[in-house]
Amino acid sequence: MSQLRIFRGMEIISRFLTYHIYINHQNVALLKTGDQITLNLAPGTHDFQIKTGVFTSQVYRFSIAHNQT
């Protein structure tokens, strides 16, 4: 397994929004201001996206190798 670590900083402008984290078009986590998560992923290519109640990021594609963090 490989790991993806995501940290959300302490930004003031969007502190009341919850970020919905999508990997391969599936909602896998929620991030509030200051949160950090670690997701276990299979090696390979994955799609990453963040959504809030109003905004949606573009889809970012990334590759991760076996035992990579």
Protein backbone atom coordinates (compact mmCIF):
# COMPACT_ATOMS: atom_id res chain seq x y z
CA MET A 1 0.00 0.00 0.00
CA SER A 2 0.94 3.61 -0.53
CA GLN A 3 -0.21 6.66 1.40
CA LEU A 4 -1.56 10.06 0.46
CA ARG A 5 -1.34 12.71 3.19
CA ILE A 6 -3.52 15.80 2.95
CA PHE A 7 -3.26 18.81 5.24
CA ARG A 8 -5.68 21.74 5.22
CA GLY A 9 -4.18 24.93 6.55
CA MET A 10 -5.75 27.52 8.81
CA GLU A 11 -7.04 29.87 6.09
CA ILE A 12 -9.47 32.51 7.34
CA ILE A 13 -11.46 33.13 4.18
CA SER A 14 -12.94 29.62 3.96
CA ARG A 15 -12.73 28.46 7.57
CA PHE A 16 -16.44 27.65 7.75
CA LEU A 17 -16.42 25.41 4.66
CA THR A 18 -15.95 21.67 4.87
CA TYR A 19 -13.84 20.17 2.09
CA HIS A 20 -15.09 16.89 0.64
CA ILE A 21 -12.12 14.90 -0.66
CA TYR A 22 -12.74 12.69 -3.69
CA ILE A 23 -10.39 9.98 -4.89
CA ASN A 24 -11.40 8.28 -8.14
CA HIS A 25 -14.78 10.06 -8.00
CA GLN A 26 -15.66 8.64 -4.57
CA ASN A 27 -16.04 10.79 -1.45
CA VAL A 28 -13.37 9.40 0.91
CA ALA A 29 -12.96 12.10 3.59
CA LEU A 30 -14.07 15.42 5.02
CA LEU A 31 -11.56 18.12 5.96
CA LYS A 32 -12.23 21.08 8.22
CA THR A 33 -9.78 23.91 8.84
CA GLY A 34 -6.56 22.57 10.39
CA ASP A 35 -7.36 18.90 9.70
CA GLN A 36 -4.87 16.35 8.38
CA ILE A 37 -5.69 12.92 6.96
CA THR A 38 -3.72 9.97 5.63
CA LEU A 39 -5.32 7.74 3.02
CA ASN A 40 -4.05 4.30 2.01
CA LEU A 41 -4.06 3.89 -1.76
CA ALA A 42 -3.17 1.10 -4.11
CA PRO A 43 -0.21 1.86 -6.37
CA GLY A 44 -1.22 3.30 -9.73
CA THR A 45 -2.92 6.36 -11.20
CA HIS A 46 -5.68 8.13 -9.27
CA ASP A 47 -7.96 11.15 -9.68
CA PHE A 48 -8.14 13.75 -6.88
CA GLN A 49 -10.78 16.45 -6.44
CA ILE A 50 -12.05 18.76 -3.68
CA LYS A 51 -15.66 19.90 -3.38
CA THR A 52 -17.42 22.25 -1.00
CA GLY A 53 -21.10 23.13 -0.88
CA VAL A 54 -20.54 25.76 -3.58
CA PHE A 55 -17.18 25.19 -5.28
CA THR A 56 -15.54 22.27 -7.07
CA SER A 57 -11.87 22.01 -8.02
CA GLN A 58 -10.66 20.60 -11.27
CA VAL A 59 -9.71 16.92 -11.28
CA TYR A 60 -6.01 16.31 -10.66
CA ARG A 61 -4.52 13.04 -11.88
CA PHE A 62 -1.49 11.64 -10.07
CA SER A 63 0.49 8.40 -9.94
CA ILE A 64 1.79 6.76 -6.79
CA ALA A 65 4.26 3.89 -6.51
CA HIS A 66 4.27 0.97 -4.08
CA ASN A 67 5.19 2.14 -0.52
CA GLN A 68 5.35 5.78 -1.64
CA THR A 69 4.06 8.54 0.64
